[in-house]
C-alpha atoms as a PDB file:
ATOM      1  CA  MET A   1     103.813  95.983  71.452  1.00  0.00           C
ATOM      2  CA  ASN A   2     102.512  99.418  72.009  1.00  0.00           C
ATOM      3  CA  SER A   3     101.981 100.479  75.983  1.00  0.00           C
ATOM      4  CA  GLY A   4      98.410  99.730  76.494  1.00  0.00           C
ATOM      5  CA  GLU A   5      97.912  97.546  73.869  1.00  0.00           C
ATOM      6  CA  LEU A   6      96.320  94.038  74.065  1.00  0.00           C
ATOM      7  CA  ASP A   7      98.194  91.206  72.256  1.00  0.00           C
ATOM      8  CA  LEU A   8      95.036  89.054  71.743  1.00  0.00           C
ATOM      9  CA  SER A   9      91.143  88.956  71.804  1.00  0.00           C
ATOM     10  CA  ILE A  10      89.126  86.089  72.062  1.00  0.00           C
ATOM     11  CA  VAL A  11      85.434  86.595  70.840  1.00  0.00           C
ATOM     12  CA  ILE A  12      83.200  83.831  71.979  1.00  0.00           C
ATOM     13  CA  PRO A  13      79.549  84.162  70.195  1.00  0.00           C
ATOM     14  CA  ALA A  14      76.633  82.232  72.808  1.00  0.00           C
ATOM     15  CA  TYR A  15      73.358  81.104  72.257  1.00  0.00           C
ATOM     16  CA  LYS A  16      71.612  78.991  74.933  1.00  0.00           C
ATOM     17  CA  GLU A  17      75.068  78.089  76.327  1.00  0.00           C
ATOM     18  CA  SER A  18      74.759  78.500  79.920  1.00  0.00           C
ATOM     19  CA  ALA A  19      75.872  74.981  80.763  1.00  0.00           C
ATOM     20  CA  LYS A  20      79.225  75.619  78.826  1.00  0.00           C
ATOM     21  CA  ILE A  21      80.052  79.008  78.861  1.00  0.00           C
ATOM     22  CA  GLU A  22      81.992  78.762  82.123  1.00  0.00           C
ATOM     23  CA  ARG A  23      84.067  76.388  80.633  1.00  0.00           C
ATOM     24  CA  ASP A  24      84.590  78.329  77.661  1.00  0.00           C
ATOM     25  CA  VAL A  25      85.993  81.193  79.493  1.00  0.00           C
ATOM     26  CA  ARG A  26      88.092  79.572  82.000  1.00  0.00           C
ATOM     27  CA  ALA A  27      89.697  77.718  79.078  1.00  0.00           C
ATOM     28  CA  ALA A  28      90.334  81.130  77.377  1.00  0.00           C
ATOM     29  CA  SER A  29      91.525  82.526  80.164  1.00  0.00           C
ATOM     30  CA  ASP A  30      94.056  79.743  80.956  1.00  0.00           C
ATOM     31  CA  PHE A  31      95.394  79.509  77.382  1.00  0.00           C
ATOM     32  CA  MET A  32      96.561  83.482  77.909  1.00  0.00           C
ATOM     33  CA  ALA A  33      97.961  83.180  81.016  1.00  0.00           C
ATOM     34  CA  ARG A  34     100.110  79.942  79.982  1.00  0.00           C
ATOM     35  CA  ALA A  35     100.968  81.925  76.520  1.00  0.00           C
ATOM     36  CA  GLU A  36     101.882  85.274  78.466  1.00  0.00           C
ATOM     37  CA  LEU A  37      99.428  87.262  76.671  1.00  0.00           C
ATOM     38  CA  GLU A  38      97.989  90.209  77.655  1.00  0.00           C
ATOM     39  CA  GLY A  39      94.344  90.029  76.010  1.00  0.00           C
ATOM     40  CA  GLU A  40      90.278  90.362  76.746  1.00  0.00           C
ATOM     41  CA  ILE A  41      87.640  87.453  76.305  1.00  0.00           C
ATOM     42  CA  ILE A  42      84.431  88.748  74.724  1.00  0.00           C
ATOM     43  CA  VAL A  43      81.317  86.684  75.368  1.00  0.00           C
ATOM     44  CA  VAL A  44      78.504  87.675  72.920  1.00  0.00           C
ATOM     45  CA  ASP A  45      75.289  86.608  73.861  1.00  0.00           C
ATOM     46  CA  ASP A  46      72.842  86.729  71.120  1.00  0.00           C
ATOM     47  CA  GLY A  47      69.531  87.186  72.502  1.00  0.00           C
ATOM     48  CA  SER A  48      69.717  83.609  74.303  1.00  0.00           C
ATOM     49  CA  PRO A  49      66.197  82.911  76.198  1.00  0.00           C
ATOM     50  CA  ASP A  50      68.299  81.028  79.130  1.00  0.00           C
ATOM     51  CA  ASP A  51      70.756  82.729  81.580  1.00  0.00           C
ATOM     52  CA  THR A  52      73.999  82.350  79.403  1.00  0.00           C
ATOM     53  CA  ALA A  53      74.415  86.309  79.698  1.00  0.00           C
ATOM     54  CA  ALA A  54      73.751  86.109  83.685  1.00  0.00           C
ATOM     55  CA  VAL A  55      76.002  82.907  84.077  1.00  0.00           C
ATOM     56  CA  ALA A  56      78.696  84.852  82.199  1.00  0.00           C
ATOM     57  CA  ALA A  57      78.740  88.225  83.964  1.00  0.00           C
ATOM     58  CA  SER A  58      78.913  86.417  87.318  1.00  0.00           C
ATOM     59  CA  LEU A  59      82.457  85.631  85.814  1.00  0.00           C
ATOM     60  CA  ARG A  60      83.438  88.974  85.822  1.00  0.00           C
ATOM     61  CA  GLY A  61      84.733  88.978  89.221  1.00  0.00           C
ATOM     62  CA  GLU A  62      87.240  86.128  88.197  1.00  0.00           C
ATOM     63  CA  PHE A  63      88.291  87.233  85.331  1.00  0.00           C
ATOM     64  CA  PRO A  64      88.771  90.773  84.987  1.00  0.00           C
ATOM     65  CA  ASN A  65      89.914  90.374  81.208  1.00  0.00           C
ATOM     66  CA  LEU A  66      86.045  89.625  80.431  1.00  0.00           C
ATOM     67  CA  VAL A  67      83.907  91.715  78.868  1.00  0.00           C
ATOM     68  CA  VAL A  68      80.248  90.457  78.355  1.00  0.00           C
ATOM     69  CA  LEU A  69      77.727  92.051  75.558  1.00  0.00           C
ATOM     70  CA  ALA A  70      73.964  90.800  75.192  1.00  0.00           C
ATOM     71  CA  TYR A  71      71.148  92.018  73.090  1.00  0.00           C
ATOM     72  CA  THR A  72      68.016  90.935  71.863  1.00  0.00           C
ATOM     73  CA  PRO A  73      66.442  89.698  69.592  1.00  0.00           C
ATOM     74  CA  ASN A  74      68.243  86.674  68.755  1.00  0.00           C
ATOM     75  CA  ARG A  75      70.056  87.549  65.332  1.00  0.00           C
ATOM     76  CA  GLY A  76      72.291  84.932  64.433  1.00  0.00           C
ATOM     77  CA  LYS A  77      75.721  83.702  64.756  1.00  0.00           C
ATOM     78  CA  GLY A  78      77.312  86.058  62.092  1.00  0.00           C
ATOM     79  CA  HIS A  79      75.619  89.056  63.832  1.00  0.00           C
ATOM     80  CA  ALA A  80      77.220  87.866  67.296  1.00  0.00           C
ATOM     81  CA  VAL A  81      80.688  87.675  66.040  1.00  0.00           C
ATOM     82  CA  ARG A  82      80.347  90.706  64.259  1.00  0.00           C
ATOM     83  CA  TYR A  83      79.135  92.573  67.278  1.00  0.00           C
ATOM     84  CA  GLY A  84      82.114  91.455  69.668  1.00  0.00           C
ATOM     85  CA  MET A  85      84.689  91.628  66.479  1.00  0.00           C
ATOM     86  CA  LEU A  86      84.019  95.180  66.217  1.00  0.00           C
ATOM     87  CA  ARG A  87      84.527  95.786  69.545  1.00  0.00           C
ATOM     88  CA  ALA A  88      87.555  93.588  70.125  1.00  0.00           C
ATOM     89  CA  ARG A  89      90.841  95.802  71.047  1.00  0.00           C
ATOM     90  CA  GLY A  90      93.467  93.055  70.649  1.00  0.00           C
ATOM     91  CA  ARG A  91      96.375  93.217  68.195  1.00  0.00           C
ATOM     92  CA  ILE A  92      95.126  90.123  67.069  1.00  0.00           C
ATOM     93  CA  VAL A  93      91.362  89.128  67.047  1.00  0.00           C
ATOM     94  CA  MET A  94      89.839  85.788  66.777  1.00  0.00           C
ATOM     95  CA  PHE A  95      86.666  83.884  67.376  1.00  0.00           C
ATOM     96  CA  ALA A  96      86.091  80.267  69.001  1.00  0.00           C
ATOM     97  CA  ASP A  97      82.834  78.584  68.956  1.00  0.00           C
ATOM     98  CA  SER A  98      81.487  78.040  72.514  1.00  0.00           C
ATOM     99  CA  GLY A  99      82.098  73.688  73.433  1.00  0.00           C
ATOM    100  CA  LEU A 100      85.631  74.032  72.862  1.00  0.00           C
ATOM    101  CA  CYS A 101      85.611  71.985  69.769  1.00  0.00           C
ATOM    102  CA  VAL A 102      89.179  72.973  69.234  1.00  0.00           C
ATOM    103  CA  PRO A 103      91.866  73.804  72.053  1.00  0.00           C
ATOM    104  CA  TYR A 104      92.979  77.194  72.532  1.00  0.00           C
ATOM    105  CA  GLU A 105      96.382  76.012  72.538  1.00  0.00           C
ATOM    106  CA  ILE A 106      96.188  75.512  68.993  1.00  0.00           C
ATOM    107  CA  ALA A 107      95.780  79.113  68.347  1.00  0.00           C
ATOM    108  CA  LYS A 108      99.549  79.459  69.027  1.00  0.00           C
ATOM    109  CA  ILE A 109      99.567  78.128  65.186  1.00  0.00           C
ATOM    110  CA  GLY A 110      97.883  81.073  63.659  1.00  0.00           C
ATOM    111  CA  ILE A 111      99.158  83.977  66.095  1.00  0.00           C
ATOM    112  CA  ALA A 112     102.564  82.975  64.770  1.00  0.00           C
ATOM    113  CA  MET A 113     101.424  82.889  60.981  1.00  0.00           C
ATOM    114  CA  ILE A 114     100.150  86.130  61.654  1.00  0.00           C
ATOM    115  CA  ASP A 115     103.387  87.424  63.576  1.00  0.00           C
ATOM    116  CA  MET A 116     105.701  86.470  61.171  1.00  0.00           C
ATOM    117  CA  ASP A 117     103.895  87.878  58.489  1.00  0.00           C
ATOM    118  CA  MET A 118     102.870  84.987  56.528  1.00  0.00           C
ATOM    119  CA  CYS A 119      99.366  86.107  56.183  1.00  0.00           C
ATOM    120  CA  ASP A 120      96.381  88.338  57.546  1.00  0.00           C
ATOM    121  CA  ILE A 121      94.038  85.913  58.216  1.00  0.00           C
ATOM    122  CA  ALA A 122      94.537  82.696  59.800  1.00  0.00           C
ATOM    123  CA  HIS A 123      92.122  80.016  59.521  1.00  0.00           C
ATOM    124  CA  GLY A 124      91.577  76.782  61.584  1.00  0.00           C
ATOM    125  CA  SER A 125      90.909  73.731  58.782  1.00  0.00           C
ATOM    126  CA  ARG A 126      89.185  70.536  59.687  1.00  0.00           C
ATOM    127  CA  ARG A 127      90.070  69.314  56.208  1.00  0.00           C
ATOM    128  CA  MET A 128      93.940  68.918  56.869  1.00  0.00           C
ATOM    129  CA  ARG A 129      95.557  65.712  57.670  1.00  0.00           C
ATOM    130  CA  GLY A 130      94.876  64.550  61.198  1.00  0.00           C
ATOM    131  CA  SER A 131      92.648  67.516  62.376  1.00  0.00           C
ATOM    132  CA  VAL A 132      88.988  65.841  63.066  1.00  0.00           C
ATOM    133  CA  VAL A 133      89.184  63.861  66.348  1.00  0.00           C
ATOM    134  CA  VAL A 134      85.511  63.147  66.993  1.00  0.00           C
ATOM    135  CA  ALA A 135      83.560  63.179  63.454  1.00  0.00           C
ATOM    136  CA  GLN A 136      80.199  65.069  62.551  1.00  0.00           C
ATOM    137  CA  PRO A 137      76.963  62.471  62.049  1.00  0.00           C
ATOM    138  CA  LEU A 138      76.874  61.312  59.172  1.00  0.00           C
ATOM    139  CA  TYR A 139      73.693  63.875  58.031  1.00  0.00           C
ATOM    140  CA  ARG A 140      76.245  66.619  58.633  1.00  0.00           C
ATOM    141  CA  ARG A 141      79.249  64.954  56.817  1.00  0.00           C
ATOM    142  CA  LEU A 142      77.065  64.836  53.789  1.00  0.00           C
ATOM    143  CA  GLY A 143      75.669  68.309  54.180  1.00  0.00           C
ATOM    144  CA  SER A 144      79.110  69.554  54.574  1.00  0.00           C
ATOM    145  CA  ARG A 145      80.501  68.253  51.516  1.00  0.00           C
ATOM    146  CA  ALA A 146      77.592  69.639  49.239  1.00  0.00           C
ATOM    147  CA  TYR A 147      78.356  73.072  50.814  1.00  0.00           C
ATOM    148  CA  LYS A 148      81.963  72.651  49.795  1.00  0.00           C
ATOM    149  CA  LEU A 149      81.276  71.855  46.372  1.00  0.00           C
ATOM    150  CA  PHE A 150      78.565  74.646  46.053  1.00  0.00           C
ATOM    151  CA  VAL A 151      80.803  77.372  47.850  1.00  0.00           C
ATOM    152  CA  HIS A 152      83.955  76.205  45.026  1.00  0.00           C
ATOM    153  CA  GLY A 153      81.802  75.779  42.137  1.00  0.00           C
ATOM    154  CA  VAL A 154      78.796  78.523  42.559  1.00  0.00           C
ATOM    155  CA  MET A 155      80.304  80.989  45.326  1.00  0.00           C
ATOM    156  CA  GLY A 156      84.041  81.096  43.381  1.00  0.00           C
ATOM    157  CA  ILE A 157      85.895  80.643  46.392  1.00  0.00           C
ATOM    158  CA  PRO A 158      89.340  78.298  45.451  1.00  0.00           C
ATOM    159  CA  LEU A 159      90.101  75.351  46.715  1.00  0.00           C
ATOM    160  CA  TYR A 160      93.303  76.514  48.723  1.00  0.00           C
ATOM    161  CA  VAL A 161      90.607  77.469  51.104  1.00  0.00           C
ATOM    162  CA  SER A 162      89.479  74.151  52.281  1.00  0.00           C
ATOM    163  CA  ASP A 163      87.150  74.738  55.211  1.00  0.00           C
ATOM    164  CA  THR A 164      85.393  78.043  55.267  1.00  0.00           C
ATOM    165  CA  GLN A 165      83.181  77.111  58.067  1.00  0.00           C
ATOM    166  CA  CYS A 166      85.466  75.996  61.369  1.00  0.00           C
ATOM    167  CA  GLY A 167      84.636  78.051  63.837  1.00  0.00           C
ATOM    168  CA  PHE A 168      88.396  79.193  64.871  1.00  0.00           C
ATOM    169  CA  LYS A 169      89.547  81.936  62.732  1.00  0.00           C
ATOM    170  CA  LEU A 170      92.320  84.743  63.798  1.00  0.00           C
ATOM    171  CA  TYR A 171      92.694  88.094  61.972  1.00  0.00           C
ATOM    172  CA  ARG A 172      94.783  91.143  62.388  1.00  0.00           C
ATOM    173  CA  ARG A 173      92.906  93.417  64.135  1.00  0.00           C
ATOM    174  CA  GLU A 174      92.382  96.087  61.220  1.00  0.00           C
ATOM    175  CA  VAL A 175      91.598  93.675  59.007  1.00  0.00           C
ATOM    176  CA  ALA A 176      89.345  92.013  61.025  1.00  0.00           C
ATOM    177  CA  HIS A 177      87.501  95.578  61.550  1.00  0.00           C
ATOM    178  CA  ALA A 178      87.202  96.422  58.025  1.00  0.00           C
ATOM    179  CA  LEU A 179      86.055  92.988  56.992  1.00  0.00           C
ATOM    180  CA  TYR A 180      83.220  92.629  59.491  1.00  0.00           C
ATOM    181  CA  GLU A 181      82.068  96.788  58.977  1.00  0.00           C
ATOM    182  CA  ALA A 182      81.302  95.813  55.783  1.00  0.00           C
ATOM    183  CA  ALA A 183      79.293  92.414  56.338  1.00  0.00           C
ATOM    184  CA  PHE A 184      75.558  91.817  56.553  1.00  0.00           C
ATOM    185  CA  THR A 185      75.001  88.060  56.873  1.00  0.00           C
ATOM    186  CA  ASP A 186      73.940  87.343  60.077  1.00  0.00           C
ATOM    187  CA  GLY A 187      73.704  83.680  59.905  1.00  0.00           C
ATOM    188  CA  PHE A 188      75.915  80.673  59.496  1.00  0.00           C
ATOM    189  CA  MET A 189      76.895  81.972  56.266  1.00  0.00           C
ATOM    190  CA  PHE A 190      78.839  84.794  57.662  1.00  0.00           C
ATOM    191  CA  ASP A 191      82.131  82.858  56.983  1.00  0.00           C
ATOM    192  CA  THR A 192      81.600  82.680  53.476  1.00  0.00           C
ATOM    193  CA  GLU A 193      81.017  86.451  53.057  1.00  0.00           C
ATOM    194  CA  ILE A 194      83.991  87.528  55.109  1.00  0.00           C
ATOM    195  CA  ILE A 195      86.230  85.203  52.910  1.00  0.00           C
ATOM    196  CA  MET A 196      84.630  86.519  50.003  1.00  0.00           C
ATOM    197  CA  ARG A 197      85.496  90.457  50.903  1.00  0.00           C
ATOM    198  CA  ALA A 198      88.958  89.218  51.961  1.00  0.00           C
ATOM    199  CA  LEU A 199      89.841  87.711  48.422  1.00  0.00           C
ATOM    200  CA  ARG A 200      88.182  90.575  47.176  1.00  0.00           C
ATOM    201  CA  ALA A 201      90.603  93.010  49.063  1.00  0.00           C
ATOM    202  CA  ASP A 202      93.428  90.932  48.586  1.00  0.00           C
ATOM    203  CA  TYR A 203      94.029  89.710  52.142  1.00  0.00           C
ATOM    204  CA  ARG A 204      96.076  87.060  52.570  1.00  0.00           C
ATOM    205  CA  LEU A 205      94.709  84.015  53.946  1.00  0.00           C
ATOM    206  CA  LEU A 206      96.482  80.993  55.037  1.00  0.00           C
ATOM    207  CA  GLU A 207      94.713  78.126  57.020  1.00  0.00           C
ATOM    208  CA  PHE A 208      96.532  75.630  59.808  1.00  0.00           C
ATOM    209  CA  PRO A 209      95.762  72.398  60.846  1.00  0.00           C
ATOM    210  CA  VAL A 210      93.218  71.866  64.261  1.00  0.00           C
ATOM    211  CA  LEU A 211      92.392  69.418  66.417  1.00  0.00           C
ATOM    212  CA  TRP A 212      88.650  69.414  66.416  1.00  0.00           C
ATOM    213  CA  SER A 213      85.893  67.343  68.601  1.00  0.00           C
ATOM    214  CA  ASN A 214      82.503  67.755  67.330  1.00  0.00           C
ATOM    215  CA  ASP A 215      79.840  68.505  69.955  1.00  0.00           C
ATOM    216  CA  ALA A 216      77.068  66.942  69.377  1.00  0.00           C
ATOM    217  CA  ASP A 217      74.785  69.771  71.377  1.00  0.00           C
ATOM    218  CA  THR A 218      74.533  71.499  68.795  1.00  0.00           C
ATOM    219  CA  ARG A 219      72.133  74.553  68.092  1.00  0.00           C
ATOM    220  CA  TYR A 220      71.841  74.182  64.129  1.00  0.00           C
ATOM    221  CA  ASP A 221      68.283  73.028  62.784  1.00  0.00           C
ATOM    222  CA  PRO A 222      69.154  70.738  59.740  1.00  0.00           C
ATOM    223  CA  ILE A 223      66.040  71.887  58.132  1.00  0.00           C
ATOM    224  CA  LYS A 224      65.454  75.640  59.377  1.00  0.00           C
ATOM    225  CA  GLY A 225      69.283  76.304  59.090  1.00  0.00           C
ATOM    226  CA  THR A 226      69.329  74.845  55.579  1.00  0.00           C
ATOM    227  CA  ILE A 227      66.887  76.762  54.111  1.00  0.00           C
ATOM    228  CA  ARG A 228      68.504  80.105  55.608  1.00  0.00           C
ATOM    229  CA  ASN A 229      71.898  79.217  54.482  1.00  0.00           C
ATOM    230  CA  LEU A 230      70.401  79.217  51.070  1.00  0.00           C
ATOM    231  CA  ARG A 231      69.036  82.338  50.993  1.00  0.00           C
ATOM    232  CA  GLU A 232      72.201  83.891  52.716  1.00  0.00           C
ATOM    233  CA  LEU A 233      74.410  82.187  49.915  1.00  0.00           C
ATOM    234  CA  THR A 234      71.957  83.523  47.028  1.00  0.00           C
ATOM    235  CA  LYS A 235      72.046  87.290  48.579  1.00  0.00           C
ATOM    236  CA  LEU A 236      75.832  86.915  48.742  1.00  0.00           C
ATOM    237  CA  ARG A 237      75.830  85.756  45.143  1.00  0.00           C
ATOM    238  CA  LEU A 238      74.500  88.433  44.028  1.00  0.00           C
ATOM    239  CA  LYS A 239      75.890  91.030  46.053  1.00  0.00           C
ATOM    240  CA  LEU A 240      79.649  89.895  45.968  1.00  0.00           C
ATOM    241  CA  SER A 241      79.629  87.993  42.468  1.00  0.00           C
ATOM    242  CA  PRO A 242      82.973  89.293  40.176  1.00  0.00           C
ATOM    243  CA  LEU A 243      80.341  91.568  38.055  1.00  0.00           C
ATOM    244  CA  ALA A 244      79.205  93.282  41.498  1.00  0.00           C
ATOM    245  CA  LYS A 245      82.073  96.042  42.150  1.00  0.00           C
ATOM    246  CA  ASN A 246      79.485  98.427  43.957  1.00  0.00           C
ATOM    247  CA  ASP A 247      80.227  96.272  47.267  1.00  0.00           C
ATOM    248  CA  GLU A 248      83.802  96.927  47.889  1.00  0.00           C
ATOM    249  CA  THR A 249      85.259  95.999  51.473  1.00  0.00           C
ATOM    250  CA  PRO A 250      87.586  98.671  52.545  1.00  0.00           C
ATOM    251  CA  ARG A 251      91.200  98.448  53.065  1.00  0.00           C
ATOM    252  CA  ALA A 252      91.162 100.799  56.010  1.00  0.00           C
ATOM    253  CA  PRO A 253      90.317 100.214  59.738  1.00  0.00           C
ATOM    254  CA  VAL A 254      87.057 101.413  60.491  1.00  0.00           C
ATOM    255  CA  THR A 255      85.620 102.933  63.681  1.00  0.00           C
ATOM    256  CA  GLU A 256      83.199 101.470  66.064  1.00  0.00           C
ATOM    257  CA  GLN A 257      81.185 104.493  66.153  1.00  0.00           C
ATOM    258  CA  SER A 258      80.181 103.893  62.773  1.00  0.00           C
ATOM    259  CA  PHE A 259      79.057 100.346  63.401  1.00  0.00           C
ATOM    260  CA  GLU A 260      76.964 101.575  66.341  1.00  0.00           C
ATOM    261  CA  SER A 261      75.086 104.180  64.787  1.00  0.00           C
ATOM    262  CA  ARG A 262      74.320 101.208  61.844  1.00  0.00           C
ATOM    263  CA  GLU A 263      73.458  98.489  64.417  1.00  0.00           C
ATOM    264  CA  SER A 264      71.811 100.966  67.022  1.00  0.00           C
ATOM    265  CA  ALA A 265      68.548  98.719  66.676  1.00  0.00           C
ATOM    266  CA  ALA A 266      70.128  95.618  67.803  1.00  0.00           C
ATOM    267  CA  GLY A 267      70.508  95.809  71.221  1.00  0.00           C
ATOM    268  CA  SER A 268      72.654  97.078  74.026  1.00  0.00           C
ATOM    269  CA  ALA A 269      75.671  96.061  76.047  1.00  0.00           C
ATOM    270  CA  THR A 270      75.611  94.485  79.270  1.00  0.00           C
END
C-alpha cells in the first residue's frame, strides 16, 4: 500500500435511517479494526426529512474516519451511492445498505477476490446456496423473480450474474470511479446500469455468497417503486442497448471535479 493510501472505503447510503445509522457506523468501524484495514466510512444522507445526517455527524468524535455527506432534496438510492462512491479514497471501495442485512465480515471474501486479481468487481449474491438467512415477504420474492426474468431476458444481463440488487458490492477504486462517473440512474435500478456498463467495458465481475437477513423496515414503496423502476429500466434499455454505442463507459479513472461540476445542483456536503 502506498503511503497515505486507504485500504477500504465503505459507502452507506441512508434515507430516514436515524434509528439505524449509529449501529451501521459502529459495525463498519469494528470490522475494519478487526481486519486491520486503514479505511473510511462515508455516510450519504439522501435528503432525509429526519435527523439521519445529524445523528451520523454526532459520531465523528468517536469515529475520526467517518465522513458524513448530505444534500437536499431526496434524489434516490442510486444518486446517494454515486455521490459517495466518487468521493471514496480507498484502494477498494464498497457500498453496503443500512440495516446490516449482510455482516461486514463477509466483505473479506470480496476483498480477497479483488486482491487475488480474480475480478475487478465483487458482488454479494443472495442467490447462491445458503445465502439467505431471513427471507423477504412473499410479494417481494415474487417481484424479485419477475425482475430477474426481465433483466436477463430483456436487458441482456448474463445468467452468471445471479443477483443484481444485493446491497453489498466491492470495486477497485478506479473501476468504481469510471462506472459511477458515467452513470445517470438515481433510483433503485442503478445496480443494473452499473452492471451493464461494467460488461460493456469488459470489467471482470464475480459473485460471492452472503449471509443475508431481510430488513423489514424498508424504504421501498411497492407501487411507486415499481413504476419508477420500470421507467428507469426503459431508459437504460434505450441508452445502453447493444446498438447504443454513443454512451460508452470510460476505462480511465475520472476526477471528482468533473462530478462536482455536473452535480453542483444536487446539494452540499456537511
